[in-house]
C-alpha atoms as a PDB file:
ATOM      1  CA  MET A   1     -17.046 -43.472 -79.950  1.00  0.00           C
ATOM      2  CA  ASN A   2     -16.381 -39.942 -81.124  1.00  0.00           C
ATOM      3  CA  ILE A   3     -16.712 -37.983 -77.863  1.00  0.00           C
ATOM      4  CA  LEU A   4     -17.365 -34.659 -79.591  1.00  0.00           C
ATOM      5  CA  THR A   5     -20.211 -36.135 -81.624  1.00  0.00           C
ATOM      6  CA  PHE A   6     -21.666 -37.710 -78.486  1.00  0.00           C
ATOM      7  CA  LEU A   7     -21.527 -34.396 -76.634  1.00  0.00           C
ATOM      8  CA  LEU A   8     -23.218 -32.692 -79.576  1.00  0.00           C
ATOM      9  CA  ALA A   9     -25.983 -35.289 -79.446  1.00  0.00           C
ATOM     10  CA  ALA A  10     -26.401 -34.818 -75.688  1.00  0.00           C
ATOM     11  CA  LEU A  11     -26.605 -31.044 -76.112  1.00  0.00           C
ATOM     12  CA  LEU A  12     -29.032 -31.275 -79.035  1.00  0.00           C
ATOM     13  CA  ALA A  13     -31.570 -33.583 -77.348  1.00  0.00           C
ATOM     14  CA  PRO A  14     -33.693 -30.902 -75.579  1.00  0.00           C
ATOM     15  CA  LEU A  15     -34.003 -29.023 -78.870  1.00  0.00           C
ATOM     16  CA  LEU A  16     -36.056 -31.774 -80.519  1.00  0.00           C
ATOM     17  CA  PRO A  17     -39.240 -31.366 -78.414  1.00  0.00           C
ATOM     18  CA  GLY A  18     -39.008 -27.649 -79.180  1.00  0.00           C
ATOM     19  CA  ILE A  19     -38.899 -28.379 -82.921  1.00  0.00           C
ATOM     20  CA  VAL A  20     -41.955 -30.635 -82.595  1.00  0.00           C
ATOM     21  CA  ASN A  21     -43.887 -27.994 -80.652  1.00  0.00           C
ATOM     22  CA  GLN A  22     -42.910 -25.185 -83.028  1.00  0.00           C
ATOM     23  CA  THR A  23     -43.973 -27.278 -86.018  1.00  0.00           C
ATOM     24  CA  LYS A  24     -47.354 -27.901 -84.395  1.00  0.00           C
ATOM     25  CA  ALA A  25     -47.662 -24.206 -83.587  1.00  0.00           C
ATOM     26  CA  PHE A  26     -46.902 -23.299 -87.206  1.00  0.00           C
ATOM     27  CA  PHE A  27     -49.688 -25.537 -88.501  1.00  0.00           C
ATOM     28  CA  ALA A  28     -52.076 -24.178 -85.871  1.00  0.00           C
ATOM     29  CA  GLY A  29     -51.241 -20.565 -86.670  1.00  0.00           C
ATOM     30  CA  ARG A  30     -49.796 -19.912 -83.204  1.00  0.00           C
ATOM     31  CA  ARG A  31     -46.521 -18.406 -82.062  1.00  0.00           C
ATOM     32  CA  GLY A  32     -45.464 -21.435 -80.027  1.00  0.00           C
ATOM     33  CA  PRO A  33     -43.386 -21.803 -76.845  1.00  0.00           C
ATOM     34  CA  GLY A  34     -40.042 -21.443 -78.626  1.00  0.00           C
ATOM     35  CA  LEU A  35     -37.368 -23.864 -79.738  1.00  0.00           C
ATOM     36  CA  PHE A  36     -35.390 -23.623 -76.483  1.00  0.00           C
ATOM     37  CA  ARG A  37     -38.275 -23.920 -74.017  1.00  0.00           C
ATOM     38  CA  LEU A  38     -37.087 -27.242 -72.606  1.00  0.00           C
ATOM     39  CA  TYR A  39     -33.593 -25.860 -71.924  1.00  0.00           C
ATOM     40  CA  PHE A  40     -35.106 -23.121 -69.760  1.00  0.00           C
ATOM     41  CA  ASP A  41     -37.446 -25.589 -68.048  1.00  0.00           C
ATOM     42  CA  LEU A  42     -34.565 -27.918 -67.189  1.00  0.00           C
ATOM     43  CA  ALA A  43     -32.504 -25.056 -65.782  1.00  0.00           C
ATOM     44  CA  LYS A  44     -35.475 -23.916 -63.661  1.00  0.00           C
ATOM     45  CA  LEU A  45     -36.213 -27.428 -62.355  1.00  0.00           C
ATOM     46  CA  MET A  46     -32.590 -28.000 -61.340  1.00  0.00           C
ATOM     47  CA  ARG A  47     -32.889 -25.058 -58.921  1.00  0.00           C
ATOM     48  CA  LYS A  48     -35.991 -26.428 -57.199  1.00  0.00           C
ATOM     49  CA  SER A  49     -36.386 -28.967 -54.397  1.00  0.00           C
ATOM     50  CA  CYS A  50     -37.600 -32.572 -54.657  1.00  0.00           C
ATOM     51  CA  PRO A  51     -40.557 -33.176 -52.316  1.00  0.00           C
ATOM     52  CA  ARG A  52     -41.157 -36.824 -51.451  1.00  0.00           C
ATOM     53  CA  SER A  53     -44.418 -38.651 -50.815  1.00  0.00           C
ATOM     54  CA  THR A  54     -44.767 -40.171 -47.350  1.00  0.00           C
ATOM     55  CA  THR A  55     -45.763 -43.492 -48.927  1.00  0.00           C
ATOM     56  CA  SER A  56     -42.766 -43.768 -51.270  1.00  0.00           C
ATOM     57  CA  THR A  57     -39.519 -45.616 -50.579  1.00  0.00           C
ATOM     58  CA  TRP A  58     -35.978 -45.515 -51.908  1.00  0.00           C
ATOM     59  CA  LEU A  59     -37.227 -46.893 -55.251  1.00  0.00           C
ATOM     60  CA  PHE A  60     -38.989 -43.621 -55.965  1.00  0.00           C
ATOM     61  CA  ASP A  61     -35.835 -41.721 -55.002  1.00  0.00           C
ATOM     62  CA  ILE A  62     -33.517 -43.531 -57.412  1.00  0.00           C
ATOM     63  CA  ALA A  63     -35.934 -44.176 -60.304  1.00  0.00           C
ATOM     64  CA  PRO A  64     -35.355 -40.894 -62.248  1.00  0.00           C
ATOM     65  CA  SER A  65     -31.562 -41.114 -61.891  1.00  0.00           C
ATOM     66  CA  VAL A  66     -31.343 -44.785 -62.907  1.00  0.00           C
ATOM     67  CA  SER A  67     -33.730 -44.209 -65.826  1.00  0.00           C
ATOM     68  CA  LEU A  68     -31.599 -41.323 -67.138  1.00  0.00           C
ATOM     69  CA  ALA A  69     -28.379 -43.298 -66.587  1.00  0.00           C
ATOM     70  CA  ALA A  70     -29.693 -46.248 -68.620  1.00  0.00           C
ATOM     71  CA  THR A  71     -30.704 -43.949 -71.478  1.00  0.00           C
ATOM     72  CA  ALA A  72     -27.332 -42.180 -71.350  1.00  0.00           C
ATOM     73  CA  ILE A  73     -25.489 -45.515 -71.590  1.00  0.00           C
ATOM     74  CA  ALA A  74     -27.623 -46.400 -74.616  1.00  0.00           C
ATOM     75  CA  ALA A  75     -26.591 -43.064 -76.139  1.00  0.00           C
ATOM     76  CA  MET A  76     -22.945 -43.965 -75.537  1.00  0.00           C
ATOM     77  CA  LEU A  77     -23.408 -47.256 -77.388  1.00  0.00           C
ATOM     78  CA  PHE A  78     -25.018 -45.630 -80.410  1.00  0.00           C
ATOM     79  CA  PRO A  79     -22.628 -45.123 -83.384  1.00  0.00           C
ATOM     80  CA  TRP A  80     -22.807 -41.336 -83.667  1.00  0.00           C
ATOM     81  CA  GLY A  81     -19.632 -41.172 -85.715  1.00  0.00           C
ATOM     82  CA  PRO A  82     -16.465 -43.039 -86.750  1.00  0.00           C
ATOM     83  CA  GLY A  83     -14.003 -44.427 -84.265  1.00  0.00           C
ATOM     84  CA  GLN A  84     -16.335 -46.402 -81.985  1.00  0.00           C
ATOM     85  CA  GLY A  85     -13.428 -47.898 -80.055  1.00  0.00           C
ATOM     86  CA  THR A  86     -14.660 -49.925 -77.063  1.00  0.00           C
ATOM     87  CA  PHE A  87     -18.262 -49.918 -78.299  1.00  0.00           C
ATOM     88  CA  ALA A  88     -17.520 -51.175 -81.824  1.00  0.00           C
ATOM     89  CA  HIS A  89     -19.205 -54.487 -80.972  1.00  0.00           C
ATOM     90  CA  ALA A  90     -22.167 -53.113 -79.041  1.00  0.00           C
ATOM     91  CA  SER A  91     -25.229 -55.320 -79.287  1.00  0.00           C
ATOM     92  CA  ALA A  92     -28.366 -53.883 -80.864  1.00  0.00           C
ATOM     93  CA  ALA A  93     -30.487 -55.883 -78.390  1.00  0.00           C
ATOM     94  CA  LEU A  94     -28.541 -54.343 -75.503  1.00  0.00           C
ATOM     95  CA  PHE A  95     -29.248 -50.878 -76.909  1.00  0.00           C
ATOM     96  CA  PHE A  96     -33.016 -51.411 -76.856  1.00  0.00           C
ATOM     97  CA  TYR A  97     -33.005 -53.195 -73.513  1.00  0.00           C
ATOM     98  CA  LEU A  98     -31.178 -50.241 -71.965  1.00  0.00           C
ATOM     99  CA  LEU A  99     -34.016 -48.032 -73.200  1.00  0.00           C
ATOM    100  CA  GLY A 100     -36.405 -50.586 -71.720  1.00  0.00           C
ATOM    101  CA  THR A 101     -34.541 -50.399 -68.415  1.00  0.00           C
ATOM    102  CA  GLY A 102     -35.220 -46.671 -68.294  1.00  0.00           C
ATOM    103  CA  ARG A 103     -38.930 -47.329 -68.788  1.00  0.00           C
ATOM    104  CA  PHE A 104     -38.848 -50.123 -66.170  1.00  0.00           C
ATOM    105  CA  PHE A 105     -37.544 -47.827 -63.439  1.00  0.00           C
ATOM    106  CA  THR A 106     -39.978 -45.081 -64.398  1.00  0.00           C
ATOM    107  CA  VAL A 107     -42.792 -47.598 -63.938  1.00  0.00           C
ATOM    108  CA  LEU A 108     -41.329 -48.751 -60.605  1.00  0.00           C
ATOM    109  CA  GLY A 109     -41.180 -45.159 -59.394  1.00  0.00           C
ATOM    110  CA  ALA A 110     -44.801 -44.610 -60.370  1.00  0.00           C
ATOM    111  CA  LEU A 111     -45.957 -47.766 -58.580  1.00  0.00           C
ATOM    112  CA  ASP A 112     -43.915 -46.910 -55.494  1.00  0.00           C
ATOM    113  CA  THR A 113     -45.931 -43.734 -54.881  1.00  0.00           C
ATOM    114  CA  GLY A 114     -48.958 -45.798 -53.897  1.00  0.00           C
ATOM    115  CA  SER A 115     -51.199 -43.783 -56.208  1.00  0.00           C
ATOM    116  CA  ALA A 116     -53.904 -45.698 -58.080  1.00  0.00           C
ATOM    117  CA  PHE A 117     -53.842 -43.059 -60.823  1.00  0.00           C
ATOM    118  CA  GLU A 118     -50.093 -43.434 -61.408  1.00  0.00           C
ATOM    119  CA  GLY A 119     -50.540 -47.207 -61.267  1.00  0.00           C
ATOM    120  CA  MET A 120     -53.088 -46.925 -64.077  1.00  0.00           C
ATOM    121  CA  GLY A 121     -50.587 -44.998 -66.213  1.00  0.00           C
ATOM    122  CA  ALA A 122     -47.866 -47.537 -65.388  1.00  0.00           C
ATOM    123  CA  SER A 123     -50.046 -50.476 -66.433  1.00  0.00           C
ATOM    124  CA  ARG A 124     -50.791 -48.841 -69.783  1.00  0.00           C
ATOM    125  CA  GLU A 125     -47.092 -48.079 -70.297  1.00  0.00           C
ATOM    126  CA  VAL A 126     -46.167 -51.712 -69.669  1.00  0.00           C
ATOM    127  CA  GLN A 127     -48.879 -52.907 -72.061  1.00  0.00           C
ATOM    128  CA  PHE A 128     -47.482 -50.702 -74.823  1.00  0.00           C
ATOM    129  CA  SER A 129     -43.967 -51.993 -74.118  1.00  0.00           C
ATOM    130  CA  ALA A 130     -45.068 -55.622 -74.377  1.00  0.00           C
ATOM    131  CA  LEU A 131     -46.703 -54.960 -77.754  1.00  0.00           C
ATOM    132  CA  VAL A 132     -43.736 -52.982 -79.118  1.00  0.00           C
ATOM    133  CA  GLU A 133     -41.034 -55.520 -78.220  1.00  0.00           C
ATOM    134  CA  PRO A 134     -41.805 -58.121 -80.929  1.00  0.00           C
ATOM    135  CA  ILE A 135     -41.934 -55.362 -83.561  1.00  0.00           C
ATOM    136  CA  VAL A 136     -38.454 -54.228 -82.527  1.00  0.00           C
ATOM    137  CA  PHE A 137     -37.022 -57.734 -82.883  1.00  0.00           C
ATOM    138  CA  VAL A 138     -38.614 -58.245 -86.290  1.00  0.00           C
ATOM    139  CA  ILE A 139     -36.974 -54.997 -87.430  1.00  0.00           C
ATOM    140  CA  LEU A 140     -33.636 -56.034 -85.923  1.00  0.00           C
ATOM    141  CA  GLY A 141     -33.884 -59.382 -87.714  1.00  0.00           C
ATOM    142  CA  PHE A 142     -34.484 -57.560 -90.988  1.00  0.00           C
ATOM    143  CA  LEU A 143     -31.449 -55.331 -90.415  1.00  0.00           C
ATOM    144  CA  VAL A 144     -29.274 -58.352 -89.578  1.00  0.00           C
ATOM    145  CA  CYS A 145     -30.269 -59.983 -92.875  1.00  0.00           C
ATOM    146  CA  LEU A 146     -29.698 -56.712 -94.733  1.00  0.00           C
ATOM    147  CA  SER A 147     -26.278 -55.873 -93.284  1.00  0.00           C
ATOM    148  CA  GLY A 148     -24.982 -59.304 -92.289  1.00  0.00           C
ATOM    149  CA  ASP A 149     -23.932 -57.949 -88.884  1.00  0.00           C
ATOM    150  CA  VAL A 150     -25.481 -58.329 -85.426  1.00  0.00           C
ATOM    151  CA  ASN A 151     -23.586 -55.427 -83.877  1.00  0.00           C
ATOM    152  CA  LEU A 152     -25.178 -51.996 -83.703  1.00  0.00           C
ATOM    153  CA  PRO A 153     -22.475 -50.040 -85.633  1.00  0.00           C
ATOM    154  CA  GLY A 154     -22.353 -52.653 -88.404  1.00  0.00           C
ATOM    155  CA  MET A 155     -26.105 -53.010 -88.590  1.00  0.00           C
ATOM    156  CA  LEU A 156     -26.822 -49.324 -89.176  1.00  0.00           C
ATOM    157  CA  GLY A 157     -25.894 -47.950 -92.566  1.00  0.00           C
ATOM    158  CA  ASP A 158     -23.457 -50.755 -93.360  1.00  0.00           C
ATOM    159  CA  TYR A 159     -25.251 -52.001 -96.448  1.00  0.00           C
ATOM    160  CA  ASP A 160     -24.836 -51.183-100.108  1.00  0.00           C
ATOM    161  CA  GLY A 161     -26.980 -48.478-101.682  1.00  0.00           C
ATOM    162  CA  GLY A 162     -28.232 -51.048-104.182  1.00  0.00           C
ATOM    163  CA  ALA A 163     -30.550 -52.327-101.446  1.00  0.00           C
ATOM    164  CA  TRP A 164     -32.824 -49.368-102.172  1.00  0.00           C
ATOM    165  CA  THR A 165     -32.959 -50.464-105.812  1.00  0.00           C
ATOM    166  CA  HIS A 166     -33.884 -54.083-105.161  1.00  0.00           C
ATOM    167  CA  HIS A 167     -35.643 -53.946-101.789  1.00  0.00           C
ATOM    168  CA  ALA A 168     -37.133 -50.460-101.615  1.00  0.00           C
ATOM    169  CA  PHE A 169     -40.621 -51.696-100.679  1.00  0.00           C
ATOM    170  CA  SER A 170     -39.268 -53.754 -97.765  1.00  0.00           C
ATOM    171  CA  LEU A 171     -37.222 -50.811 -96.509  1.00  0.00           C
ATOM    172  CA  ILE A 172     -40.248 -48.511 -96.697  1.00  0.00           C
ATOM    173  CA  LEU A 173     -42.401 -50.971 -94.735  1.00  0.00           C
ATOM    174  CA  ILE A 174     -39.710 -51.357 -92.070  1.00  0.00           C
ATOM    175  CA  ALA A 175     -39.296 -47.572 -91.877  1.00  0.00           C
ATOM    176  CA  VAL A 176     -43.053 -47.064 -91.414  1.00  0.00           C
ATOM    177  CA  ALA A 177     -43.088 -49.710 -88.674  1.00  0.00           C
ATOM    178  CA  PHE A 178     -40.152 -48.147 -86.840  1.00  0.00           C
ATOM    179  CA  PHE A 179     -41.594 -44.647 -87.132  1.00  0.00           C
ATOM    180  CA  THR A 180     -44.768 -45.984 -85.499  1.00  0.00           C
ATOM    181  CA  ILE A 181     -42.614 -47.400 -82.697  1.00  0.00           C
ATOM    182  CA  LEU A 182     -40.929 -44.007 -82.326  1.00  0.00           C
ATOM    183  CA  LEU A 183     -44.314 -42.343 -81.817  1.00  0.00           C
ATOM    184  CA  CYS A 184     -45.464 -44.987 -79.337  1.00  0.00           C
ATOM    185  CA  GLU A 185     -42.245 -45.197 -77.329  1.00  0.00           C
ATOM    186  CA  ASN A 186     -42.050 -41.425 -76.978  1.00  0.00           C
ATOM    187  CA  CYS A 187     -45.740 -41.134 -76.023  1.00  0.00           C
ATOM    188  CA  ARG A 188     -46.607 -38.972 -79.011  1.00  0.00           C
ATOM    189  CA  VAL A 189     -49.882 -38.554 -80.886  1.00  0.00           C
ATOM    190  CA  PRO A 190     -51.778 -40.706 -81.859  1.00  0.00           C
ATOM    191  CA  PHE A 191     -50.782 -43.050 -78.984  1.00  0.00           C
ATOM    192  CA  ASP A 192     -50.538 -40.427 -76.246  1.00  0.00           C
ATOM    193  CA  ASP A 193     -50.677 -36.652 -76.006  1.00  0.00           C
ATOM    194  CA  PRO A 194     -47.873 -35.091 -73.923  1.00  0.00           C
ATOM    195  CA  GLU A 195     -49.983 -31.943 -73.523  1.00  0.00           C
ATOM    196  CA  THR A 196     -53.174 -33.654 -72.366  1.00  0.00           C
ATOM    197  CA  HIS A 197     -55.014 -32.543 -69.237  1.00  0.00           C
ATOM    198  CA  LEU A 198     -57.676 -35.254 -69.314  1.00  0.00           C
ATOM    199  CA  GLU A 199     -56.874 -37.585 -66.435  1.00  0.00           C
ATOM    200  CA  LEU A 200     -58.384 -40.743 -67.894  1.00  0.00           C
ATOM    201  CA  THR A 201     -56.355 -40.407 -71.106  1.00  0.00           C
ATOM    202  CA  MET A 202     -52.959 -39.693 -69.518  1.00  0.00           C
ATOM    203  CA  ILE A 203     -50.344 -42.435 -69.817  1.00  0.00           C
ATOM    204  CA  HIS A 204     -46.738 -41.291 -69.530  1.00  0.00           C
ATOM    205  CA  GLU A 205     -47.647 -38.034 -67.781  1.00  0.00           C
ATOM    206  CA  ALA A 206     -49.685 -39.953 -65.207  1.00  0.00           C
ATOM    207  CA  MET A 207     -46.539 -41.741 -63.990  1.00  0.00           C
ATOM    208  CA  ILE A 208     -44.541 -38.603 -63.202  1.00  0.00           C
ATOM    209  CA  LEU A 209     -47.106 -36.487 -61.337  1.00  0.00           C
ATOM    210  CA  ASP A 210     -45.274 -36.893 -58.005  1.00  0.00           C
ATOM    211  CA  ASN A 211     -41.881 -35.911 -59.449  1.00  0.00           C
ATOM    212  CA  ALA A 212     -40.539 -32.387 -59.175  1.00  0.00           C
ATOM    213  CA  GLY A 213     -37.293 -30.454 -59.190  1.00  0.00           C
ATOM    214  CA  PRO A 214     -34.163 -32.256 -60.431  1.00  0.00           C
ATOM    215  CA  ASP A 215     -36.047 -35.570 -60.525  1.00  0.00           C
ATOM    216  CA  LEU A 216     -38.504 -34.167 -63.054  1.00  0.00           C
ATOM    217  CA  ALA A 217     -35.612 -32.570 -64.959  1.00  0.00           C
ATOM    218  CA  PHE A 218     -33.932 -35.995 -65.245  1.00  0.00           C
ATOM    219  CA  ILE A 219     -37.173 -37.518 -66.555  1.00  0.00           C
ATOM    220  CA  LEU A 220     -37.755 -34.760 -69.113  1.00  0.00           C
ATOM    221  CA  TYR A 221     -34.177 -34.831 -70.357  1.00  0.00           C
ATOM    222  CA  GLY A 222     -34.195 -38.631 -70.501  1.00  0.00           C
ATOM    223  CA  ALA A 223     -37.377 -38.537 -72.592  1.00  0.00           C
ATOM    224  CA  ALA A 224     -35.791 -36.022 -74.993  1.00  0.00           C
ATOM    225  CA  LEU A 225     -32.638 -38.150 -75.261  1.00  0.00           C
ATOM    226  CA  LYS A 226     -34.704 -41.264 -75.953  1.00  0.00           C
ATOM    227  CA  PHE A 227     -36.563 -39.401 -78.705  1.00  0.00           C
ATOM    228  CA  GLU A 228     -33.233 -38.426 -80.245  1.00  0.00           C
ATOM    229  CA  LEU A 229     -31.866 -41.981 -80.044  1.00  0.00           C
ATOM    230  CA  LEU A 230     -34.870 -43.525 -81.783  1.00  0.00           C
ATOM    231  CA  ALA A 231     -34.840 -40.786 -84.426  1.00  0.00           C
ATOM    232  CA  ALA A 232     -31.115 -41.363 -84.978  1.00  0.00           C
ATOM    233  CA  PHE A 233     -31.713 -45.118 -85.286  1.00  0.00           C
ATOM    234  CA  LEU A 234     -34.397 -44.488 -87.913  1.00  0.00           C
ATOM    235  CA  VAL A 235     -32.139 -42.180 -89.928  1.00  0.00           C
ATOM    236  CA  ALA A 236     -29.098 -44.472 -89.699  1.00  0.00           C
ATOM    237  CA  MET A 237     -31.276 -47.417 -90.694  1.00  0.00           C
ATOM    238  CA  LEU A 238     -32.447 -45.713 -93.878  1.00  0.00           C
ATOM    239  CA  VAL A 239     -29.152 -44.201 -95.047  1.00  0.00           C
ATOM    240  CA  PRO A 240     -26.907 -46.784 -96.803  1.00  0.00           C
ATOM    241  CA  LYS A 241     -23.132 -46.794 -96.903  1.00  0.00           C
ATOM    242  CA  LEU A 242     -22.010 -43.507 -98.477  1.00  0.00           C
ATOM    243  CA  SER A 243     -18.623 -42.681 -99.986  1.00  0.00           C
ATOM    244  CA  ILE A 244     -18.369 -39.377 -98.111  1.00  0.00           C
ATOM    245  CA  GLY A 245     -16.227 -38.106 -95.276  1.00  0.00           C
ATOM    246  CA  PRO A 246     -17.029 -38.644 -91.581  1.00  0.00           C
ATOM    247  CA  GLU A 247     -17.993 -34.987 -91.125  1.00  0.00           C
ATOM    248  CA  ALA A 248     -20.525 -35.224 -93.948  1.00  0.00           C
ATOM    249  CA  LYS A 249     -21.958 -38.430 -92.441  1.00  0.00           C
ATOM    250  CA  THR A 250     -22.420 -36.623 -89.129  1.00  0.00           C
ATOM    251  CA  VAL A 251     -24.222 -33.774 -90.889  1.00  0.00           C
ATOM    252  CA  VAL A 252     -26.508 -36.273 -92.654  1.00  0.00           C
ATOM    253  CA  LEU A 253     -27.288 -38.040 -89.369  1.00  0.00           C
ATOM    254  CA  PHE A 254     -28.129 -34.922 -87.364  1.00  0.00           C
ATOM    255  CA  GLY A 255     -29.936 -33.352 -90.303  1.00  0.00           C
ATOM    256  CA  GLY A 256     -32.089 -36.464 -90.492  1.00  0.00           C
ATOM    257  CA  ILE A 257     -32.783 -36.294 -86.744  1.00  0.00           C
ATOM    258  CA  LEU A 258     -34.002 -32.703 -87.065  1.00  0.00           C
ATOM    259  CA  ALA A 259     -36.116 -33.660 -90.090  1.00  0.00           C
ATOM    260  CA  THR A 260     -37.642 -36.522 -88.076  1.00  0.00           C
ATOM    261  CA  ALA A 261     -38.640 -34.072 -85.338  1.00  0.00           C
ATOM    262  CA  VAL A 262     -40.340 -31.888 -87.963  1.00  0.00           C
ATOM    263  CA  LEU A 263     -42.118 -34.948 -89.371  1.00  0.00           C
ATOM    264  CA  VAL A 264     -43.404 -35.869 -85.893  1.00  0.00           C
ATOM    265  CA  GLY A 265     -44.747 -32.341 -85.518  1.00  0.00           C
ATOM    266  CA  ILE A 266     -46.521 -32.609 -88.880  1.00  0.00           C
ATOM    267  CA  VAL A 267     -48.040 -35.976 -87.944  1.00  0.00           C
ATOM    268  CA  GLU A 268     -49.321 -34.564 -84.654  1.00  0.00           C
ATOM    269  CA  SER A 269     -50.787 -31.589 -86.514  1.00  0.00           C
ATOM    270  CA  VAL A 270     -52.847 -33.593 -89.008  1.00  0.00           C
ATOM    271  CA  ILE A 271     -54.150 -36.507 -86.914  1.00  0.00           C
ATOM    272  CA  ALA A 272     -55.848 -36.755 -83.531  1.00  0.00           C
ATOM    273  CA  ARG A 273     -55.125 -38.991 -80.585  1.00  0.00           C
ATOM    274  CA  MET A 274     -56.776 -42.375 -81.043  1.00  0.00           C
ATOM    275  CA  ARG A 275     -58.945 -44.144 -78.487  1.00  0.00           C
ATOM    276  CA  PHE A 276     -56.915 -46.107 -75.958  1.00  0.00           C
ATOM    277  CA  LEU A 277     -58.584 -49.411 -76.904  1.00  0.00           C
ATOM    278  CA  LYS A 278     -57.429 -48.940 -80.525  1.00  0.00           C
ATOM    279  CA  THR A 279     -53.745 -48.884 -79.585  1.00  0.00           C
ATOM    280  CA  PRO A 280     -53.228 -52.690 -79.381  1.00  0.00           C
ATOM    281  CA  GLN A 281     -54.870 -53.078 -82.783  1.00  0.00           C
ATOM    282  CA  VAL A 282     -52.586 -50.473 -84.334  1.00  0.00           C
ATOM    283  CA  LEU A 283     -49.463 -52.046 -82.804  1.00  0.00           C
ATOM    284  CA  LEU A 284     -50.478 -55.517 -83.949  1.00  0.00           C
ATOM    285  CA  GLY A 285     -51.007 -54.074 -87.434  1.00  0.00           C
ATOM    286  CA  THR A 286     -47.545 -52.518 -87.206  1.00  0.00           C
ATOM    287  CA  LEU A 287     -46.147 -55.949 -86.338  1.00  0.00           C
ATOM    288  CA  MET A 288     -47.760 -57.347 -89.486  1.00  0.00           C
ATOM    289  CA  VAL A 289     -46.280 -54.514 -91.576  1.00  0.00           C
ATOM    290  CA  ALA A 290     -42.778 -55.153 -90.208  1.00  0.00           C
ATOM    291  CA  THR A 291     -43.150 -58.905 -90.716  1.00  0.00           C
ATOM    292  CA  LEU A 292     -44.327 -58.373 -94.300  1.00  0.00           C
ATOM    293  CA  GLY A 293     -41.287 -56.194 -95.006  1.00  0.00           C
ATOM    294  CA  ALA A 294     -38.922 -58.842 -93.605  1.00  0.00           C
ATOM    295  CA  VAL A 295     -40.628 -61.689 -95.486  1.00  0.00           C
ATOM    296  CA  LEU A 296     -40.564 -59.816 -98.800  1.00  0.00           C
ATOM    297  CA  TYR A 297     -36.845 -59.176 -98.347  1.00  0.00           C
ATOM    298  CA  ILE A 298     -36.150 -62.868 -97.660  1.00  0.00           C
ATOM    299  CA  LEU A 299     -38.279 -64.098-100.568  1.00  0.00           C
ATOM    300  CA  PHE A 300     -37.257 -61.542-103.169  1.00  0.00           C
END
C-alpha cells in the first residue's frame, strides 16, 4: 500500500459530503454550507463531551470506535496506488464484510440505547443490508470473470480496455447497479435523506441520535470514509488497465471520486426520496440489473 496515497484518501474523505451539499445548493440556487463544513464539524465535536444514556452498556461505548476502525481497515486494504505490499492479496469479500462490520456495530449501538425509535432505524438499516448483499456478490462475480482474479487489487482495473468494446452494455449495467448500492449504503436520496427531520422517515440518522462529541465525530467521519471507498471502488471498476504512470493513475482515481460526489449531488437534486415500502422493490430490480449484466457477459 502506498502510505502517502492512503493518507491523501483519509484526508480527502470529509470533503466529499461537502461537494455533494454544494452541488445540491448550486441546483437549488442557494449558497450552501461550504465545501469544508464537515472538517469544522469534526473539529468542534472532538472538543465536546460524550454523554451516556443510563440504559446503555459498554456496547454503546465501543460501537462508534469499532465501526470507524473496521472502515479504516477496509480503506487500508483498498488498492489506492501501486506497491500494495502486504495487502496485495486482499480479498474483495473481506473488504465488503469490513464495511458490513462497521454497520453491524452501529446497529448494535442503536439497539443498546433501549430506544424504540433507534430500534426502528436499526431494523430498516438491517433490511437494506440484507437486500444489498446479494447484489454485491453478483457484481463481484462479474468482476472475477472479467479480470480473472479474486483479489481486490487484481479485480479492480486489471482488465484490458477492449472489454469496453465487446462488453460495454454489461459494464454499464453493472455500473448502474453499483451506483445504486452506493446511494443505498450511504443513506442518500432516494433511499434516505441525511437532512431529514421527519421522524418516521429517518433511517441512518435515527440510529445515532444518542451519540455526541467524539463518538458522533467517529460516526460522521466513518460515513464519509465509507462513501469515499464505495466511490473509489466504482471508479476503479470502470477504468481498465491504462499504460500511464502511477501518478497519473492516482489522479484518475481521485478525479473520478470527486466526479462521483458531484454526480450524487446531481441525482439528489433532480429526484425525491422514495416511499420506504418502495425500497425493497428498487433493490430487487437492481439485483436483476446486475444479474442481467453478468449473464450477458457470460453468454456474449
